Amino acid sequence: MDSNRLQKVARLIQKDMGVIFQTEAKKLFMGAMITPTKVRVSADLSIAKVYVSIFALGGAKTEQIFALIEQNKTLLRMKLAALERHQLRIIPDLSFFIDDSLDYSENIERLLKQ
């Protein structure tokens, strides 16, 4: 069970990562729409697992965009630190994962209709 503090920090990171992805999408991620769908923070606030949903534009593949996210992980953490410097003392290390829950639910719905 997550504590109240962990939930607040996770929501804060999710909101700020959304802003970062929105502002940096054109420059860093080939204009792809990237949405942080879920954030899980470790109990000691040292690691944040960020689950992202990627909608690639212009012929780019999801795997290419995810590779760009992994390449720019330190830059994303620095931008997150700039936004959260007054709320958090330590900025957690970021680990990114592709959120496939939408694909999973679509697959279940497709199977149920058959």
PDB file of N, CA and C in Angstrom:
ATOM      1  N   MET A   1       0.839  -1.185   0.000  1.00  0.00           N
ATOM      2  CA  MET A   1       0.000   0.000   0.000  1.00  0.00           C
ATOM      3  C   MET A   1       0.881   1.245   0.000  1.00  0.00           C
ATOM      4  N   ASP A   2       0.626   2.118  -0.945  1.00  0.00           N
ATOM      5  CA  ASP A   2       1.394   3.352  -1.028  1.00  0.00           C
ATOM      6  C   ASP A   2       0.934   4.338   0.035  1.00  0.00           C
ATOM      7  N   SER A   3       1.899   5.037   0.587  1.00  0.00           N
ATOM      8  CA  SER A   3       1.546   6.051   1.559  1.00  0.00           C
ATOM      9  C   SER A   3       1.043   7.294   0.827  1.00  0.00           C
ATOM     10  N   ASN A   4       0.474   8.183   1.583  1.00  0.00           N
ATOM     11  CA  ASN A   4      -0.059   9.417   1.026  1.00  0.00           C
ATOM     12  C   ASN A   4       1.047  10.244   0.381  1.00  0.00           C
ATOM     13  N   ARG A   5       2.199  10.297   1.039  1.00  0.00           N
ATOM     14  CA  ARG A   5       3.337  11.073   0.528  1.00  0.00           C
ATOM     15  C   ARG A   5       3.812  10.520  -0.821  1.00  0.00           C
ATOM     16  N   LEU A   6       3.914   9.191  -0.924  1.00  0.00           N
ATOM     17  CA  LEU A   6       4.363   8.586  -2.175  1.00  0.00           C
ATOM     18  C   LEU A   6       3.386   8.868  -3.308  1.00  0.00           C
ATOM     19  N   GLN A   7       2.100   8.831  -3.003  1.00  0.00           N
ATOM     20  CA  GLN A   7       1.095   9.121  -4.026  1.00  0.00           C
ATOM     21  C   GLN A   7       1.186  10.570  -4.493  1.00  0.00           C
ATOM     22  N   LYS A   8       1.395  11.490  -3.563  1.00  0.00           N
ATOM     23  CA  LYS A   8       1.519  12.900  -3.929  1.00  0.00           C
ATOM     24  C   LYS A   8       2.748  13.146  -4.790  1.00  0.00           C
ATOM     25  N   VAL A   9       3.864  12.530  -4.431  1.00  0.00           N
ATOM     26  CA  VAL A   9       5.087  12.693  -5.209  1.00  0.00           C
ATOM     27  C   VAL A   9       4.907  12.082  -6.600  1.00  0.00           C
ATOM     28  N   ALA A  10       4.271  10.918  -6.674  1.00  0.00           N
ATOM     29  CA  ALA A  10       4.034  10.277  -7.964  1.00  0.00           C
ATOM     30  C   ALA A  10       3.154  11.147  -8.854  1.00  0.00           C
ATOM     31  N   ARG A  11       2.101  11.733  -8.306  1.00  0.00           N
ATOM     32  CA  ARG A  11       1.228  12.619  -9.093  1.00  0.00           C
ATOM     33  C   ARG A  11       1.986  13.862  -9.556  1.00  0.00           C
ATOM     34  N   LEU A  12       2.834  14.407  -8.687  1.00  0.00           N
ATOM     35  CA  LEU A  12       3.617  15.585  -9.034  1.00  0.00           C
ATOM     36  C   LEU A  12       4.580  15.274 -10.177  1.00  0.00           C
ATOM     37  N   ILE A  13       5.259  14.137 -10.089  1.00  0.00           N
ATOM     38  CA  ILE A  13       6.195  13.741 -11.148  1.00  0.00           C
ATOM     39  C   ILE A  13       5.442  13.487 -12.448  1.00  0.00           C
ATOM     40  N   GLN A  14       4.283  12.835 -12.378  1.00  0.00           N
ATOM     41  CA  GLN A  14       3.497  12.557 -13.574  1.00  0.00           C
ATOM     42  C   GLN A  14       3.065  13.852 -14.254  1.00  0.00           C
ATOM     43  N   LYS A  15       2.608  14.802 -13.480  1.00  0.00           N
ATOM     44  CA  LYS A  15       2.159  16.082 -14.039  1.00  0.00           C
ATOM     45  C   LYS A  15       3.323  16.834 -14.679  1.00  0.00           C
ATOM     46  N   ASP A  16       4.448  16.894 -13.983  1.00  0.00           N
ATOM     47  CA  ASP A  16       5.593  17.631 -14.508  1.00  0.00           C
ATOM     48  C   ASP A  16       6.232  16.927 -15.707  1.00  0.00           C
ATOM     49  N   MET A  17       6.247  15.596 -15.706  1.00  0.00           N
ATOM     50  CA  MET A  17       6.778  14.881 -16.863  1.00  0.00           C
ATOM     51  C   MET A  17       5.886  15.111 -18.079  1.00  0.00           C
ATOM     52  N   GLY A  18       4.582  15.222 -17.873  1.00  0.00           N
ATOM     53  CA  GLY A  18       3.670  15.547 -18.966  1.00  0.00           C
ATOM     54  C   GLY A  18       3.985  16.899 -19.579  1.00  0.00           C
ATOM     55  N   VAL A  19       4.268  17.873 -18.723  1.00  0.00           N
ATOM     56  CA  VAL A  19       4.631  19.205 -19.207  1.00  0.00           C
ATOM     57  C   VAL A  19       5.951  19.153 -19.974  1.00  0.00           C
ATOM     58  N   ILE A  20       6.912  18.404 -19.443  1.00  0.00           N
ATOM     59  CA  ILE A  20       8.220  18.296 -20.102  1.00  0.00           C
ATOM     60  C   ILE A  20       8.079  17.626 -21.465  1.00  0.00           C
ATOM     61  N   PHE A  21       7.344  16.518 -21.526  1.00  0.00           N
ATOM     62  CA  PHE A  21       7.163  15.834 -22.804  1.00  0.00           C
ATOM     63  C   PHE A  21       6.437  16.722 -23.804  1.00  0.00           C
ATOM     64  N   GLN A  22       5.508  17.507 -23.325  1.00  0.00           N
ATOM     65  CA  GLN A  22       4.749  18.383 -24.213  1.00  0.00           C
ATOM     66  C   GLN A  22       5.637  19.488 -24.794  1.00  0.00           C
ATOM     67  N   THR A  23       6.498  20.056 -23.975  1.00  0.00           N
ATOM     68  CA  THR A  23       7.333  21.157 -24.452  1.00  0.00           C
ATOM     69  C   THR A  23       8.530  20.684 -25.274  1.00  0.00           C
ATOM     70  N   GLU A  24       9.024  19.494 -24.986  1.00  0.00           N
ATOM     71  CA  GLU A  24      10.229  19.012 -25.657  1.00  0.00           C
ATOM     72  C   GLU A  24       9.946  18.042 -26.799  1.00  0.00           C
ATOM     73  N   ALA A  25       8.697  17.744 -27.091  1.00  0.00           N
ATOM     74  CA  ALA A  25       8.355  16.721 -28.078  1.00  0.00           C
ATOM     75  C   ALA A  25       8.894  17.046 -29.464  1.00  0.00           C
ATOM     76  N   LYS A  26       8.738  18.264 -29.882  1.00  0.00           N
ATOM     77  CA  LYS A  26       9.148  18.623 -31.237  1.00  0.00           C
ATOM     78  C   LYS A  26      10.665  18.572 -31.386  1.00  0.00           C
ATOM     79  N   LYS A  27      11.372  19.036 -30.372  1.00  0.00           N
ATOM     80  CA  LYS A  27      12.821  19.128 -30.458  1.00  0.00           C
ATOM     81  C   LYS A  27      13.515  17.778 -30.237  1.00  0.00           C
ATOM     82  N   LEU A  28      13.066  17.013 -29.246  1.00  0.00           N
ATOM     83  CA  LEU A  28      13.778  15.796 -28.854  1.00  0.00           C
ATOM     84  C   LEU A  28      13.162  14.500 -29.380  1.00  0.00           C
ATOM     85  N   PHE A  29      11.843  14.473 -29.547  1.00  0.00           N
ATOM     86  CA  PHE A  29      11.156  13.212 -29.805  1.00  0.00           C
ATOM     87  C   PHE A  29      10.416  13.182 -31.133  1.00  0.00           C
ATOM     88  N   MET A  30      10.922  13.894 -32.131  1.00  0.00           N
ATOM     89  CA  MET A  30      10.374  13.894 -33.494  1.00  0.00           C
ATOM     90  C   MET A  30       8.881  14.212 -33.524  1.00  0.00           C
ATOM     91  N   GLY A  31       8.407  15.048 -32.632  1.00  0.00           N
ATOM     92  CA  GLY A  31       7.016  15.470 -32.628  1.00  0.00           C
ATOM     93  C   GLY A  31       6.033  14.447 -32.104  1.00  0.00           C
ATOM     94  N   ALA A  32       6.513  13.360 -31.524  1.00  0.00           N
ATOM     95  CA  ALA A  32       5.620  12.312 -31.018  1.00  0.00           C
ATOM     96  C   ALA A  32       4.851  12.817 -29.798  1.00  0.00           C
ATOM     97  N   MET A  33       3.656  12.281 -29.644  1.00  0.00           N
ATOM     98  CA  MET A  33       2.858  12.600 -28.458  1.00  0.00           C
ATOM     99  C   MET A  33       3.160  11.551 -27.391  1.00  0.00           C
ATOM    100  N   ILE A  34       3.740  12.001 -26.298  1.00  0.00           N
ATOM    101  CA  ILE A  34       4.138  11.104 -25.215  1.00  0.00           C
ATOM    102  C   ILE A  34       3.366  11.513 -23.972  1.00  0.00           C
ATOM    103  N   THR A  35       2.703  10.536 -23.367  1.00  0.00           N
ATOM    104  CA  THR A  35       1.901  10.797 -22.185  1.00  0.00           C
ATOM    105  C   THR A  35       2.344   9.888 -21.051  1.00  0.00           C
ATOM    106  N   PRO A  36       2.734  10.464 -19.926  1.00  0.00           N
ATOM    107  CA  PRO A  36       3.022   9.602 -18.766  1.00  0.00           C
ATOM    108  C   PRO A  36       1.702   9.113 -18.169  1.00  0.00           C
ATOM    109  N   THR A  37       1.460   7.808 -18.229  1.00  0.00           N
ATOM    110  CA  THR A  37       0.188   7.267 -17.779  1.00  0.00           C
ATOM    111  C   THR A  37       0.194   6.894 -16.308  1.00  0.00           C
ATOM    112  N   LYS A  38       1.354   6.492 -15.803  1.00  0.00           N
ATOM    113  CA  LYS A  38       1.434   6.058 -14.415  1.00  0.00           C
ATOM    114  C   LYS A  38       2.853   6.268 -13.925  1.00  0.00           C
ATOM    115  N   VAL A  39       3.000   6.649 -12.664  1.00  0.00           N
ATOM    116  CA  VAL A  39       4.313   6.795 -12.040  1.00  0.00           C
ATOM    117  C   VAL A  39       4.284   6.041 -10.727  1.00  0.00           C
ATOM    118  N   ARG A  40       5.290   5.220 -10.514  1.00  0.00           N
ATOM    119  CA  ARG A  40       5.455   4.503  -9.253  1.00  0.00           C
ATOM    120  C   ARG A  40       6.773   4.943  -8.642  1.00  0.00           C
ATOM    121  N   VAL A  41       6.726   5.359  -7.386  1.00  0.00           N
ATOM    122  CA  VAL A  41       7.902   5.865  -6.692  1.00  0.00           C
ATOM    123  C   VAL A  41       8.288   4.872  -5.603  1.00  0.00           C
ATOM    124  N   SER A  42       9.599   4.624  -5.472  1.00  0.00           N
ATOM    125  CA  SER A  42      10.066   3.712  -4.438  1.00  0.00           C
ATOM    126  C   SER A  42       9.859   4.344  -3.062  1.00  0.00           C
ATOM    127  N   ALA A  43       9.902   3.522  -2.030  1.00  0.00           N
ATOM    128  CA  ALA A  43       9.601   3.988  -0.677  1.00  0.00           C
ATOM    129  C   ALA A  43      10.581   5.054  -0.195  1.00  0.00           C
ATOM    130  N   ASP A  44      11.835   4.987  -0.642  1.00  0.00           N
ATOM    131  CA  ASP A  44      12.818   5.984  -0.215  1.00  0.00           C
ATOM    132  C   ASP A  44      12.923   7.160  -1.195  1.00  0.00           C
ATOM    133  N   LEU A  45      12.016   7.237  -2.159  1.00  0.00           N
ATOM    134  CA  LEU A  45      11.932   8.315  -3.147  1.00  0.00           C
ATOM    135  C   LEU A  45      13.190   8.438  -3.998  1.00  0.00           C
ATOM    136  N   SER A  46      13.931   7.353  -4.186  1.00  0.00           N
ATOM    137  CA  SER A  46      15.156   7.418  -4.974  1.00  0.00           C
ATOM    138  C   SER A  46      14.947   6.980  -6.423  1.00  0.00           C
ATOM    139  N   ILE A  47      13.898   6.217  -6.688  1.00  0.00           N
ATOM    140  CA  ILE A  47      13.637   5.722  -8.039  1.00  0.00           C
ATOM    141  C   ILE A  47      12.174   5.966  -8.390  1.00  0.00           C
ATOM    142  N   ALA A  48      11.951   6.472  -9.590  1.00  0.00           N
ATOM    143  CA  ALA A  48      10.597   6.655 -10.101  1.00  0.00           C
ATOM    144  C   ALA A  48      10.471   5.881 -11.400  1.00  0.00           C
ATOM    145  N   LYS A  49       9.507   4.964 -11.447  1.00  0.00           N
ATOM    146  CA  LYS A  49       9.208   4.225 -12.667  1.00  0.00           C
ATOM    147  C   LYS A  49       8.096   4.974 -13.388  1.00  0.00           C
ATOM    148  N   VAL A  50       8.412   5.462 -14.579  1.00  0.00           N
ATOM    149  CA  VAL A  50       7.463   6.251 -15.351  1.00  0.00           C
ATOM    150  C   VAL A  50       6.986   5.404 -16.521  1.00  0.00           C
ATOM    151  N   TYR A  51       5.691   5.141 -16.570  1.00  0.00           N
ATOM    152  CA  TYR A  51       5.081   4.388 -17.659  1.00  0.00           C
ATOM    153  C   TYR A  51       4.528   5.390 -18.659  1.00  0.00           C
ATOM    154  N   VAL A  52       4.947   5.258 -19.920  1.00  0.00           N
ATOM    155  CA  VAL A  52       4.562   6.231 -20.939  1.00  0.00           C
ATOM    156  C   VAL A  52       3.776   5.562 -22.058  1.00  0.00           C
ATOM    157  N   SER A  53       2.836   6.313 -22.591  1.00  0.00           N
ATOM    158  CA  SER A  53       2.090   5.916 -23.774  1.00  0.00           C
ATOM    159  C   SER A  53       2.602   6.780 -24.915  1.00  0.00           C
ATOM    160  N   ILE A  54       2.999   6.149 -26.018  1.00  0.00           N
ATOM    161  CA  ILE A  54       3.636   6.871 -27.122  1.00  0.00           C
ATOM    162  C   ILE A  54       2.763   6.772 -28.370  1.00  0.00           C
ATOM    163  N   PHE A  55       2.467   7.922 -28.947  1.00  0.00           N
ATOM    164  CA  PHE A  55       1.771   7.990 -30.226  1.00  0.00           C
ATOM    165  C   PHE A  55       2.739   8.634 -31.212  1.00  0.00           C
ATOM    166  N   ALA A  56       3.399   7.799 -32.004  1.00  0.00           N
ATOM    167  CA  ALA A  56       4.423   8.276 -32.931  1.00  0.00           C
ATOM    168  C   ALA A  56       3.772   8.905 -34.152  1.00  0.00           C
ATOM    169  N   LEU A  57       4.344   9.997 -34.619  1.00  0.00           N
ATOM    170  CA  LEU A  57       3.848  10.712 -35.788  1.00  0.00           C
ATOM    171  C   LEU A  57       4.909  10.716 -36.885  1.00  0.00           C
ATOM    172  N   GLY A  58       4.483  10.912 -38.096  1.00  0.00           N
ATOM    173  CA  GLY A  58       5.419  11.089 -39.196  1.00  0.00           C
ATOM    174  C   GLY A  58       6.213   9.855 -39.564  1.00  0.00           C
ATOM    175  N   GLY A  59       5.640   8.688 -39.420  1.00  0.00           N
ATOM    176  CA  GLY A  59       6.323   7.465 -39.829  1.00  0.00           C
ATOM    177  C   GLY A  59       7.313   6.918 -38.823  1.00  0.00           C
ATOM    178  N   ALA A  60       7.478   7.576 -37.699  1.00  0.00           N
ATOM    179  CA  ALA A  60       8.389   7.070 -36.668  1.00  0.00           C
ATOM    180  C   ALA A  60       7.729   5.905 -35.948  1.00  0.00           C
ATOM    181  N   LYS A  61       8.544   5.015 -35.449  1.00  0.00           N
ATOM    182  CA  LYS A  61       8.040   3.860 -34.724  1.00  0.00           C
ATOM    183  C   LYS A  61       8.128   4.106 -33.223  1.00  0.00           C
ATOM    184  N   THR A  62       7.278   3.433 -32.486  1.00  0.00           N
ATOM    185  CA  THR A  62       7.249   3.573 -31.031  1.00  0.00           C
ATOM    186  C   THR A  62       8.600   3.222 -30.424  1.00  0.00           C
ATOM    187  N   GLU A  63       9.257   2.198 -30.962  1.00  0.00           N
ATOM    188  CA  GLU A  63      10.553   1.773 -30.429  1.00  0.00           C
ATOM    189  C   GLU A  63      11.612   2.858 -30.623  1.00  0.00           C
ATOM    190  N   GLN A  64      11.550   3.581 -31.753  1.00  0.00           N
ATOM    191  CA  GLN A  64      12.489   4.671 -31.991  1.00  0.00           C
ATOM    192  C   GLN A  64      12.289   5.794 -30.982  1.00  0.00           C
ATOM    193  N   ILE A  65      11.045   6.134 -30.729  1.00  0.00           N
ATOM    194  CA  ILE A  65      10.743   7.204 -29.782  1.00  0.00           C
ATOM    195  C   ILE A  65      11.175   6.792 -28.381  1.00  0.00           C
ATOM    196  N   PHE A  66      10.922   5.527 -28.018  1.00  0.00           N
ATOM    197  CA  PHE A  66      11.322   5.052 -26.691  1.00  0.00           C
ATOM    198  C   PHE A  66      12.845   5.070 -26.553  1.00  0.00           C
ATOM    199  N   ALA A  67      13.564   4.751 -27.627  1.00  0.00           N
ATOM    200  CA  ALA A  67      15.029   4.821 -27.589  1.00  0.00           C
ATOM    201  C   ALA A  67      15.496   6.261 -27.376  1.00  0.00           C
ATOM    202  N   LEU A  68      14.796   7.222 -27.983  1.00  0.00           N
ATOM    203  CA  LEU A  68      15.131   8.636 -27.765  1.00  0.00           C
ATOM    204  C   LEU A  68      14.872   9.050 -26.317  1.00  0.00           C
ATOM    205  N   ILE A  69      13.813   8.528 -25.728  1.00  0.00           N
ATOM    206  CA  ILE A  69      13.532   8.824 -24.319  1.00  0.00           C
ATOM    207  C   ILE A  69      14.666   8.293 -23.457  1.00  0.00           C
ATOM    208  N   GLU A  70      15.105   7.079 -23.723  1.00  0.00           N
ATOM    209  CA  GLU A  70      16.200   6.482 -22.952  1.00  0.00           C
ATOM    210  C   GLU A  70      17.500   7.264 -23.138  1.00  0.00           C
ATOM    211  N   GLN A  71      17.767   7.751 -24.348  1.00  0.00           N
ATOM    212  CA  GLN A  71      18.976   8.531 -24.604  1.00  0.00           C
ATOM    213  C   GLN A  71      18.965   9.854 -23.847  1.00  0.00           C
ATOM    214  N   ASN A  72      17.805  10.458 -23.731  1.00  0.00           N
ATOM    215  CA  ASN A  72      17.677  11.778 -23.107  1.00  0.00           C
ATOM    216  C   ASN A  72      17.236  11.702 -21.648  1.00  0.00           C
ATOM    217  N   LYS A  73      17.458  10.576 -21.008  1.00  0.00           N
ATOM    218  CA  LYS A  73      17.005  10.375 -19.637  1.00  0.00           C
ATOM    219  C   LYS A  73      17.617  11.391 -18.667  1.00  0.00           C
ATOM    220  N   THR A  74      18.898  11.696 -18.818  1.00  0.00           N
ATOM    221  CA  THR A  74      19.542  12.642 -17.898  1.00  0.00           C
ATOM    222  C   THR A  74      19.016  14.060 -18.116  1.00  0.00           C
ATOM    223  N   LEU A  75      18.779  14.425 -19.367  1.00  0.00           N
ATOM    224  CA  LEU A  75      18.215  15.746 -19.661  1.00  0.00           C
ATOM    225  C   LEU A  75      16.812  15.869 -19.081  1.00  0.00           C
ATOM    226  N   LEU A  76      16.019  14.801 -19.208  1.00  0.00           N
ATOM    227  CA  LEU A  76      14.665  14.818 -18.650  1.00  0.00           C
ATOM    228  C   LEU A  76      14.704  14.957 -17.128  1.00  0.00           C
ATOM    229  N   ARG A  77      15.658  14.294 -16.496  1.00  0.00           N
ATOM    230  CA  ARG A  77      15.777  14.394 -15.031  1.00  0.00           C
ATOM    231  C   ARG A  77      16.186  15.811 -14.626  1.00  0.00           C
ATOM    232  N   MET A  78      17.069  16.442 -15.409  1.00  0.00           N
ATOM    233  CA  MET A  78      17.467  17.819 -15.099  1.00  0.00           C
ATOM    234  C   MET A  78      16.287  18.777 -15.252  1.00  0.00           C
ATOM    235  N   LYS A  79      15.488  18.574 -16.291  1.00  0.00           N
ATOM    236  CA  LYS A  79      14.308  19.435 -16.475  1.00  0.00           C
ATOM    237  C   LYS A  79      13.284  19.204 -15.365  1.00  0.00           C
ATOM    238  N   LEU A  80      13.157  17.953 -14.935  1.00  0.00           N
ATOM    239  CA  LEU A  80      12.269  17.647 -13.820  1.00  0.00           C
ATOM    240  C   LEU A  80      12.767  18.318 -12.540  1.00  0.00           C
ATOM    241  N   ALA A  81      14.074  18.302 -12.337  1.00  0.00           N
ATOM    242  CA  ALA A  81      14.655  18.953 -11.158  1.00  0.00           C
ATOM    243  C   ALA A  81      14.398  20.457 -11.176  1.00  0.00           C
ATOM    244  N   ALA A  82      14.457  21.058 -12.354  1.00  0.00           N
ATOM    245  CA  ALA A  82      14.203  22.495 -12.456  1.00  0.00           C
ATOM    246  C   ALA A  82      12.760  22.827 -12.080  1.00  0.00           C
ATOM    247  N   LEU A  83      11.818  21.935 -12.426  1.00  0.00           N
ATOM    248  CA  LEU A  83      10.415  22.186 -12.102  1.00  0.00           C
ATOM    249  C   LEU A  83      10.088  21.884 -10.636  1.00  0.00           C
ATOM    250  N   GLU A  84      10.761  20.908 -10.060  1.00  0.00           N
ATOM    251  CA  GLU A  84      10.404  20.449  -8.714  1.00  0.00           C
ATOM    252  C   GLU A  84      11.409  20.838  -7.641  1.00  0.00           C
ATOM    253  N   ARG A  85      12.268  21.780  -7.910  1.00  0.00           N
ATOM    254  CA  ARG A  85      13.335  22.084  -6.967  1.00  0.00           C
ATOM    255  C   ARG A  85      12.838  22.603  -5.620  1.00  0.00           C
ATOM    256  N   HIS A  86      11.659  23.161  -5.584  1.00  0.00           N
ATOM    257  CA  HIS A  86      11.135  23.669  -4.311  1.00  0.00           C
ATOM    258  C   HIS A  86      10.244  22.663  -3.592  1.00  0.00           C
ATOM    259  N   GLN A  87       9.814  21.604  -4.288  1.00  0.00           N
ATOM    260  CA  GLN A  87       8.935  20.627  -3.660  1.00  0.00           C
ATOM    261  C   GLN A  87       9.679  19.397  -3.145  1.00  0.00           C
ATOM    262  N   LEU A  88      10.736  18.976  -3.859  1.00  0.00           N
ATOM    263  CA  LEU A  88      11.456  17.768  -3.479  1.00  0.00           C
ATOM    264  C   LEU A  88      12.915  18.091  -3.189  1.00  0.00           C
ATOM    265  N   ARG A  89      13.435  17.438  -2.167  1.00  0.00           N
ATOM    266  CA  ARG A  89      14.838  17.644  -1.827  1.00  0.00           C
ATOM    267  C   ARG A  89      15.734  16.825  -2.747  1.00  0.00           C
ATOM    268  N   ILE A  90      15.331  15.589  -3.026  1.00  0.00           N
ATOM    269  CA  ILE A  90      16.097  14.707  -3.893  1.00  0.00           C
ATOM    270  C   ILE A  90      15.206  14.332  -5.079  1.00  0.00           C
ATOM    271  N   ILE A  91      15.735  14.521  -6.273  1.00  0.00           N
ATOM    272  CA  ILE A  91      15.000  14.151  -7.481  1.00  0.00           C
ATOM    273  C   ILE A  91      15.299  12.684  -7.767  1.00  0.00           C
ATOM    274  N   PRO A  92      14.278  11.854  -7.899  1.00  0.00           N
ATOM    275  CA  PRO A  92      14.522  10.422  -8.106  1.00  0.00           C
ATOM    276  C   PRO A  92      15.104  10.116  -9.485  1.00  0.00           C
ATOM    277  N   ASP A  93      15.827   8.997  -9.558  1.00  0.00           N
ATOM    278  CA  ASP A  93      16.291   8.498 -10.852  1.00  0.00           C
ATOM    279  C   ASP A  93      15.071   8.013 -11.623  1.00  0.00           C
ATOM    280  N   LEU A  94      15.071   8.259 -12.923  1.00  0.00           N
ATOM    281  CA  LEU A  94      13.915   7.922 -13.740  1.00  0.00           C
ATOM    282  C   LEU A  94      14.164   6.645 -14.524  1.00  0.00           C
ATOM    283  N   SER A  95      13.215   5.741 -14.479  1.00  0.00           N
ATOM    284  CA  SER A  95      13.208   4.539 -15.303  1.00  0.00           C
ATOM    285  C   SER A  95      11.937   4.586 -16.136  1.00  0.00           C
ATOM    286  N   PHE A  96      12.074   4.436 -17.438  1.00  0.00           N
ATOM    287  CA  PHE A  96      10.927   4.540 -18.330  1.00  0.00           C
ATOM    288  C   PHE A  96      10.507   3.170 -18.830  1.00  0.00           C
ATOM    289  N   PHE A  97       9.199   2.976 -18.936  1.00  0.00           N
ATOM    290  CA  PHE A  97       8.613   1.740 -19.433  1.00  0.00           C
ATOM    291  C   PHE A  97       7.457   2.104 -20.354  1.00  0.00           C
ATOM    292  N   ILE A  98       7.268   1.300 -21.400  1.00  0.00           N
ATOM    293  CA  ILE A  98       6.136   1.513 -22.301  1.00  0.00           C
ATOM    294  C   ILE A  98       4.893   0.925 -21.653  1.00  0.00           C
ATOM    295  N   ASP A  99       3.850   1.727 -21.545  1.00  0.00           N
ATOM    296  CA  ASP A  99       2.589   1.275 -20.967  1.00  0.00           C
ATOM    297  C   ASP A  99       1.747   0.656 -22.071  1.00  0.00           C
ATOM    298  N   ASP A 100       1.538  -0.637 -21.976  1.00  0.00           N
ATOM    299  CA  ASP A 100       0.776  -1.334 -22.998  1.00  0.00           C
ATOM    300  C   ASP A 100      -0.616  -1.721 -22.507  1.00  0.00           C
ATOM    301  N   SER A 101      -1.103  -1.068 -21.491  1.00  0.00           N
ATOM    302  CA  SER A 101      -2.414  -1.424 -20.946  1.00  0.00           C
ATOM    303  C   SER A 101      -3.541  -1.130 -21.940  1.00  0.00           C
ATOM    304  N   LEU A 102      -3.404  -0.077 -22.749  1.00  0.00           N
ATOM    305  CA  LEU A 102      -4.439   0.220 -23.748  1.00  0.00           C
ATOM    306  C   LEU A 102      -4.475  -0.859 -24.826  1.00  0.00           C
ATOM    307  N   ASP A 103      -3.301  -1.304 -25.263  1.00  0.00           N
ATOM    308  CA  ASP A 103      -3.255  -2.388 -26.260  1.00  0.00           C
ATOM    309  C   ASP A 103      -3.835  -3.670 -25.679  1.00  0.00           C
ATOM    310  N   TYR A 104      -3.539  -3.919 -24.412  1.00  0.00           N
ATOM    311  CA  TYR A 104      -4.044  -5.119 -23.749  1.00  0.00           C
ATOM    312  C   TYR A 104      -5.565  -5.096 -23.656  1.00  0.00           C
ATOM    313  N   SER A 105      -6.127  -3.943 -23.269  1.00  0.00           N
ATOM    314  CA  SER A 105      -7.584  -3.849 -23.143  1.00  0.00           C
ATOM    315  C   SER A 105      -8.262  -3.942 -24.515  1.00  0.00           C
ATOM    316  N   GLU A 106      -7.664  -3.373 -25.544  1.00  0.00           N
ATOM    317  CA  GLU A 106      -8.221  -3.490 -26.895  1.00  0.00           C
ATOM    318  C   GLU A 106      -8.207  -4.940 -27.365  1.00  0.00           C
ATOM    319  N   ASN A 107      -7.150  -5.652 -27.035  1.00  0.00           N
ATOM    320  CA  ASN A 107      -7.045  -7.058 -27.410  1.00  0.00           C
ATOM    321  C   ASN A 107      -8.114  -7.886 -26.698  1.00  0.00           C
ATOM    322  N   ILE A 108      -8.356  -7.615 -25.421  1.00  0.00           N
ATOM    323  CA  ILE A 108      -9.394  -8.316 -24.667  1.00  0.00           C
ATOM    324  C   ILE A 108     -10.764  -8.044 -25.262  1.00  0.00           C
ATOM    325  N   GLU A 109     -11.045  -6.785 -25.590  1.00  0.00           N
ATOM    326  CA  GLU A 109     -12.327  -6.429 -26.193  1.00  0.00           C
ATOM    327  C   GLU A 109     -12.507  -7.114 -27.550  1.00  0.00           C
ATOM    328  N   ARG A 110     -11.438  -7.161 -28.338  1.00  0.00           N
ATOM    329  CA  ARG A 110     -11.503  -7.817 -29.638  1.00  0.00           C
ATOM    330  C   ARG A 110     -11.794  -9.311 -29.471  1.00  0.00           C
ATOM    331  N   LEU A 111     -11.141  -9.936 -28.494  1.00  0.00           N
ATOM    332  CA  LEU A 111     -11.357 -11.365 -28.262  1.00  0.00           C
ATOM    333  C   LEU A 111     -12.772 -11.643 -27.754  1.00  0.00           C
ATOM    334  N   LEU A 112     -13.322 -10.751 -26.946  1.00  0.00           N
ATOM    335  CA  LEU A 112     -14.677 -10.934 -26.431  1.00  0.00           C
ATOM    336  C   LEU A 112     -15.735 -10.792 -27.524  1.00  0.00           C
ATOM    337  N   LYS A 113     -15.450  -9.948 -28.506  1.00  0.00           N
ATOM    338  CA  LYS A 113     -16.401  -9.760 -29.600  1.00  0.00           C
ATOM    339  C   LYS A 113     -16.430 -10.937 -30.551  1.00  0.00           C
ATOM    340  N   GLN A 114     -15.376 -11.730 -30.587  1.00  0.00           N
ATOM    341  CA  GLN A 114     -15.322 -12.882 -31.503  1.00  0.00           C
ATOM    342  C   GLN A 114     -16.201 -14.010 -31.061  1.00  0.00           C
TER     343      GLN A 114
END
